[in-house]
Amino acid sequence: MVKSCRVHVLNSKRAFQRLQKTGKRARSKDLSLVYRIDDSQGTVKVAYSIGKRVGTAVVRNKVKRRLRSLVGEYSCQIPYGDYLVIVSPRAVERDFEELRSELREVLPLKGKQ
């Protein structure tokens, strides 16, 4: 089977409950990741949690756009499953490259040592 590199939106209540119950967690300085790898699923589904403490709607949307772009860069290296990216207020101060390195640190990428 050829891997689809498309990232889908994680939006079902059931998937969030499964993540909360059985998800693994990874953390960097400003990002947290809760994930559940499921090869039988055949898709990568991602949700972003960016609370109001991060900033105004404009700021939160900017951070979300950056993260979506970065997840898209790694989409072919991410195993199938569900992912929840949680953002701390300090992430606003990070530039694109710093966010990239933090996301790479927490994602369970294929071939990562």
N, C-alpha and C. Protein backbone atom coordinates (compact mmCIF):
# COMPACT_ATOMS: atom_id res chain seq x y z
N MET A 1 0.84 -1.18 0.00
CA MET A 1 0.00 0.00 0.00
C MET A 1 0.89 1.25 0.00
N VAL A 2 0.56 2.21 -0.83
CA VAL A 2 1.30 3.46 -0.92
C VAL A 2 0.82 4.40 0.18
N LYS A 3 1.75 4.98 0.90
CA LYS A 3 1.39 5.87 2.00
C LYS A 3 0.93 7.21 1.47
N SER A 4 -0.22 7.64 1.97
CA SER A 4 -0.73 8.97 1.65
C SER A 4 -0.07 9.96 2.61
N CYS A 5 0.46 11.05 2.07
CA CYS A 5 1.14 12.04 2.91
C CYS A 5 0.19 13.15 3.35
N ARG A 6 -1.09 12.95 3.12
CA ARG A 6 -2.06 13.97 3.49
C ARG A 6 -2.36 13.90 4.98
N VAL A 7 -2.49 15.07 5.59
CA VAL A 7 -2.82 15.16 7.01
C VAL A 7 -4.29 15.52 7.13
N HIS A 8 -5.02 14.74 7.91
CA HIS A 8 -6.45 14.97 8.12
C HIS A 8 -6.66 15.63 9.47
N VAL A 9 -7.84 16.20 9.65
CA VAL A 9 -8.19 16.86 10.90
C VAL A 9 -8.76 15.82 11.87
N LEU A 10 -8.26 15.83 13.07
CA LEU A 10 -8.78 14.96 14.12
C LEU A 10 -9.91 15.72 14.81
N ASN A 11 -11.15 15.23 14.65
CA ASN A 11 -12.25 15.99 15.22
C ASN A 11 -13.35 15.12 15.85
N SER A 12 -13.16 13.83 15.94
CA SER A 12 -14.21 13.01 16.55
C SER A 12 -13.98 12.89 18.06
N LYS A 13 -15.07 12.95 18.77
CA LYS A 13 -15.02 12.86 20.23
C LYS A 13 -14.42 11.52 20.67
N ARG A 14 -14.76 10.48 19.94
CA ARG A 14 -14.27 9.14 20.26
C ARG A 14 -12.74 9.07 20.15
N ALA A 15 -12.19 9.69 19.11
CA ALA A 15 -10.73 9.69 18.92
C ALA A 15 -10.04 10.45 20.05
N PHE A 16 -10.62 11.58 20.47
CA PHE A 16 -10.04 12.34 21.58
C PHE A 16 -10.07 11.51 22.87
N GLN A 17 -11.14 10.79 23.10
CA GLN A 17 -11.24 9.95 24.30
C GLN A 17 -10.21 8.83 24.26
N ARG A 18 -10.01 8.22 23.08
CA ARG A 18 -8.99 7.17 22.95
C ARG A 18 -7.60 7.73 23.22
N LEU A 19 -7.35 8.94 22.70
CA LEU A 19 -6.05 9.58 22.94
C LEU A 19 -5.82 9.81 24.42
N GLN A 20 -6.85 10.31 25.08
CA GLN A 20 -6.73 10.61 26.51
C GLN A 20 -6.47 9.34 27.31
N LYS A 21 -7.11 8.25 26.91
CA LYS A 21 -6.99 7.00 27.65
C LYS A 21 -5.69 6.26 27.37
N THR A 22 -5.36 6.12 26.09
CA THR A 22 -4.25 5.22 25.72
C THR A 22 -3.11 5.92 25.00
N GLY A 23 -3.16 7.23 24.88
CA GLY A 23 -2.13 7.94 24.13
C GLY A 23 -0.80 8.04 24.86
N LYS A 24 0.26 8.02 24.08
CA LYS A 24 1.60 8.26 24.62
C LYS A 24 1.83 9.76 24.62
N ARG A 25 2.74 10.21 25.46
CA ARG A 25 3.00 11.64 25.57
C ARG A 25 4.48 11.94 25.35
N ALA A 26 4.68 13.06 24.68
CA ALA A 26 6.04 13.55 24.47
C ALA A 26 6.00 15.05 24.72
N ARG A 27 7.11 15.59 25.20
CA ARG A 27 7.12 17.00 25.58
C ARG A 27 8.46 17.65 25.24
N SER A 28 8.37 18.87 24.74
CA SER A 28 9.56 19.69 24.57
C SER A 28 9.34 20.92 25.44
N LYS A 29 10.15 21.94 25.23
CA LYS A 29 10.03 23.14 26.06
C LYS A 29 8.66 23.79 25.94
N ASP A 30 8.17 23.97 24.70
CA ASP A 30 6.94 24.73 24.48
C ASP A 30 5.82 23.95 23.81
N LEU A 31 6.07 22.70 23.46
CA LEU A 31 5.05 21.87 22.82
C LEU A 31 4.90 20.56 23.56
N SER A 32 3.67 20.08 23.61
CA SER A 32 3.40 18.74 24.12
C SER A 32 2.68 17.98 23.01
N LEU A 33 2.85 16.68 22.99
CA LEU A 33 2.20 15.87 21.98
C LEU A 33 1.61 14.65 22.67
N VAL A 34 0.34 14.40 22.39
CA VAL A 34 -0.32 13.17 22.81
C VAL A 34 -0.61 12.44 21.51
N TYR A 35 -0.17 11.18 21.41
CA TYR A 35 -0.35 10.48 20.15
C TYR A 35 -0.66 9.01 20.37
N ARG A 36 -1.28 8.44 19.37
CA ARG A 36 -1.64 7.03 19.36
C ARG A 36 -1.37 6.50 17.96
N ILE A 37 -0.35 5.69 17.80
CA ILE A 37 -0.01 5.14 16.48
C ILE A 37 -0.93 3.97 16.19
N ASP A 38 -1.52 4.00 14.99
CA ASP A 38 -2.46 2.95 14.57
C ASP A 38 -2.31 2.74 13.07
N ASP A 39 -1.48 1.77 12.67
CA ASP A 39 -1.21 1.53 11.25
C ASP A 39 -2.45 1.07 10.50
N SER A 40 -3.39 0.43 11.19
CA SER A 40 -4.59 -0.05 10.51
C SER A 40 -5.51 1.10 10.11
N GLN A 41 -5.30 2.27 10.70
CA GLN A 41 -6.15 3.44 10.42
C GLN A 41 -5.93 3.96 9.00
N GLY A 42 -4.69 3.94 8.53
CA GLY A 42 -4.40 4.36 7.18
C GLY A 42 -4.36 5.86 6.94
N THR A 43 -4.46 6.67 8.00
CA THR A 43 -4.39 8.13 7.86
C THR A 43 -3.65 8.72 9.05
N VAL A 44 -3.18 9.94 8.85
CA VAL A 44 -2.60 10.74 9.93
C VAL A 44 -3.63 11.82 10.26
N LYS A 45 -4.11 11.82 11.50
CA LYS A 45 -5.09 12.82 11.93
C LYS A 45 -4.46 13.66 13.03
N VAL A 46 -4.54 14.99 12.88
CA VAL A 46 -3.89 15.90 13.82
C VAL A 46 -4.88 16.96 14.29
N ALA A 47 -4.83 17.27 15.59
CA ALA A 47 -5.59 18.37 16.17
C ALA A 47 -4.61 19.25 16.94
N TYR A 48 -4.97 20.50 17.10
CA TYR A 48 -4.12 21.46 17.80
C TYR A 48 -4.90 22.06 18.95
N SER A 49 -4.28 22.12 20.12
CA SER A 49 -4.89 22.74 21.28
C SER A 49 -4.07 23.98 21.64
N ILE A 50 -4.69 25.14 21.40
CA ILE A 50 -4.02 26.40 21.65
C ILE A 50 -4.96 27.25 22.48
N GLY A 51 -4.71 27.30 23.78
CA GLY A 51 -5.61 27.98 24.71
C GLY A 51 -5.53 29.49 24.63
N LYS A 52 -6.50 30.13 25.26
CA LYS A 52 -6.57 31.59 25.24
C LYS A 52 -5.39 32.25 25.94
N ARG A 53 -4.72 31.52 26.81
CA ARG A 53 -3.55 32.09 27.49
C ARG A 53 -2.41 32.35 26.52
N VAL A 54 -2.45 31.69 25.35
CA VAL A 54 -1.40 31.87 24.35
C VAL A 54 -1.46 33.29 23.78
N GLY A 55 -2.65 33.84 23.65
CA GLY A 55 -2.78 35.21 23.12
C GLY A 55 -4.13 35.42 22.47
N THR A 56 -4.23 36.50 21.73
CA THR A 56 -5.47 36.83 21.05
C THR A 56 -5.72 35.82 19.92
N ALA A 57 -6.89 35.88 19.32
CA ALA A 57 -7.23 34.96 18.23
C ALA A 57 -6.24 35.07 17.08
N VAL A 58 -5.79 36.28 16.79
CA VAL A 58 -4.83 36.48 15.71
C VAL A 58 -3.53 35.73 16.01
N VAL A 59 -3.06 35.83 17.23
CA VAL A 59 -1.82 35.17 17.64
C VAL A 59 -1.99 33.65 17.62
N ARG A 60 -3.11 33.16 18.16
CA ARG A 60 -3.35 31.71 18.18
C ARG A 60 -3.43 31.15 16.76
N ASN A 61 -4.08 31.87 15.87
CA ASN A 61 -4.19 31.41 14.49
C ASN A 61 -2.84 31.39 13.79
N LYS A 62 -1.99 32.36 14.11
CA LYS A 62 -0.65 32.41 13.53
C LYS A 62 0.16 31.18 13.95
N VAL A 63 0.08 30.85 15.24
CA VAL A 63 0.79 29.67 15.75
C VAL A 63 0.24 28.40 15.09
N LYS A 64 -1.08 28.32 14.97
CA LYS A 64 -1.70 27.14 14.36
C LYS A 64 -1.29 27.00 12.89
N ARG A 65 -1.24 28.10 12.16
CA ARG A 65 -0.82 28.05 10.76
C ARG A 65 0.63 27.56 10.64
N ARG A 66 1.48 28.04 11.52
CA ARG A 66 2.88 27.59 11.52
C ARG A 66 2.98 26.10 11.79
N LEU A 67 2.24 25.64 12.80
CA LEU A 67 2.30 24.22 13.15
C LEU A 67 1.73 23.35 12.03
N ARG A 68 0.64 23.78 11.41
CA ARG A 68 0.08 23.02 10.30
C ARG A 68 1.10 22.88 9.17
N SER A 69 1.79 23.97 8.88
CA SER A 69 2.80 23.94 7.84
C SER A 69 3.92 22.96 8.19
N LEU A 70 4.36 23.00 9.43
CA LEU A 70 5.44 22.11 9.87
C LEU A 70 5.01 20.65 9.87
N VAL A 71 3.80 20.38 10.34
CA VAL A 71 3.30 18.99 10.32
C VAL A 71 3.21 18.51 8.88
N GLY A 72 2.81 19.38 7.97
CA GLY A 72 2.77 19.03 6.55
C GLY A 72 4.13 18.64 6.01
N GLU A 73 5.18 19.32 6.47
CA GLU A 73 6.54 18.99 6.04
C GLU A 73 6.94 17.57 6.44
N TYR A 74 6.48 17.14 7.60
CA TYR A 74 6.86 15.84 8.14
C TYR A 74 5.80 14.76 7.87
N SER A 75 4.75 15.09 7.13
CA SER A 75 3.60 14.19 6.99
C SER A 75 3.96 12.80 6.45
N CYS A 76 4.93 12.72 5.56
CA CYS A 76 5.30 11.40 5.01
C CYS A 76 6.15 10.59 5.97
N GLN A 77 6.68 11.22 7.00
CA GLN A 77 7.53 10.53 7.98
C GLN A 77 6.77 10.16 9.25
N ILE A 78 5.55 10.67 9.39
CA ILE A 78 4.76 10.43 10.60
C ILE A 78 3.99 9.12 10.43
N PRO A 79 4.08 8.20 11.39
CA PRO A 79 3.30 6.96 11.31
C PRO A 79 1.79 7.26 11.37
N TYR A 80 0.99 6.39 10.75
CA TYR A 80 -0.47 6.55 10.81
C TYR A 80 -0.93 6.57 12.26
N GLY A 81 -1.92 7.40 12.55
CA GLY A 81 -2.47 7.47 13.89
C GLY A 81 -3.08 8.82 14.18
N ASP A 82 -3.38 9.05 15.45
CA ASP A 82 -3.99 10.29 15.92
C ASP A 82 -2.97 11.08 16.73
N TYR A 83 -2.96 12.40 16.53
CA TYR A 83 -1.99 13.26 17.20
C TYR A 83 -2.67 14.52 17.70
N LEU A 84 -2.34 14.92 18.91
CA LEU A 84 -2.83 16.18 19.49
C LEU A 84 -1.61 17.00 19.89
N VAL A 85 -1.45 18.15 19.26
CA VAL A 85 -0.33 19.06 19.56
C VAL A 85 -0.85 20.12 20.52
N ILE A 86 -0.24 20.23 21.68
CA ILE A 86 -0.65 21.18 22.71
C ILE A 86 0.42 22.25 22.81
N VAL A 87 -0.01 23.51 22.77
CA VAL A 87 0.92 24.64 22.70
C VAL A 87 0.92 25.40 24.02
N SER A 88 2.11 25.73 24.51
CA SER A 88 2.22 26.56 25.71
C SER A 88 2.32 28.03 25.30
N PRO A 89 2.01 28.95 26.19
CA PRO A 89 2.07 30.38 25.85
C PRO A 89 3.46 30.84 25.38
N ARG A 90 4.51 30.18 25.80
CA ARG A 90 5.86 30.58 25.40
C ARG A 90 6.15 30.31 23.93
N ALA A 91 5.35 29.47 23.28
CA ALA A 91 5.58 29.12 21.88
C ALA A 91 5.43 30.33 20.96
N VAL A 92 4.70 31.33 21.40
CA VAL A 92 4.50 32.55 20.61
C VAL A 92 5.83 33.25 20.37
N GLU A 93 6.73 33.16 21.31
CA GLU A 93 8.02 33.84 21.23
C GLU A 93 9.00 33.12 20.30
N ARG A 94 8.68 31.90 19.89
CA ARG A 94 9.58 31.11 19.06
C ARG A 94 9.41 31.47 17.59
N ASP A 95 10.54 31.50 16.87
CA ASP A 95 10.42 31.71 15.43
C ASP A 95 10.16 30.36 14.75
N PHE A 96 9.99 30.41 13.45
CA PHE A 96 9.60 29.22 12.69
C PHE A 96 10.61 28.08 12.87
N GLU A 97 11.88 28.38 12.81
CA GLU A 97 12.92 27.35 12.93
C GLU A 97 12.93 26.72 14.31
N GLU A 98 12.71 27.52 15.35
CA GLU A 98 12.68 26.97 16.71
C GLU A 98 11.47 26.06 16.88
N LEU A 99 10.32 26.46 16.31
CA LEU A 99 9.14 25.60 16.38
C LEU A 99 9.40 24.29 15.61
N ARG A 100 10.07 24.39 14.48
CA ARG A 100 10.39 23.21 13.68
C ARG A 100 11.22 22.22 14.51
N SER A 101 12.25 22.71 15.18
CA SER A 101 13.11 21.79 15.95
C SER A 101 12.36 21.20 17.14
N GLU A 102 11.49 21.98 17.77
CA GLU A 102 10.71 21.44 18.89
C GLU A 102 9.71 20.40 18.43
N LEU A 103 9.05 20.65 17.30
CA LEU A 103 8.09 19.69 16.78
C LEU A 103 8.80 18.40 16.38
N ARG A 104 9.94 18.55 15.74
CA ARG A 104 10.72 17.37 15.34
C ARG A 104 11.14 16.56 16.57
N GLU A 105 11.40 17.25 17.65
CA GLU A 105 11.80 16.58 18.89
C GLU A 105 10.68 15.71 19.45
N VAL A 106 9.43 16.17 19.37
CA VAL A 106 8.33 15.43 19.98
C VAL A 106 7.64 14.43 19.05
N LEU A 107 7.72 14.64 17.73
CA LEU A 107 7.05 13.73 16.79
C LEU A 107 7.77 12.38 16.72
N PRO A 108 7.01 11.29 16.68
CA PRO A 108 7.64 9.97 16.53
C PRO A 108 7.90 9.67 15.06
N LEU A 109 8.87 10.34 14.47
CA LEU A 109 9.15 10.22 13.05
C LEU A 109 9.79 8.87 12.73
N LYS A 110 9.46 8.36 11.54
CA LYS A 110 10.08 7.11 11.10
C LYS A 110 11.56 7.37 10.82
N GLY A 111 12.40 6.47 11.26
CA GLY A 111 13.83 6.60 11.02
C GLY A 111 14.53 7.53 12.00
N LYS A 112 13.80 8.07 12.95
CA LYS A 112 14.41 8.97 13.94
C LYS A 112 15.07 8.13 15.02
N GLN A 113 16.29 8.48 15.36
CA GLN A 113 17.03 7.72 16.37
C GLN A 113 16.76 8.24 17.75
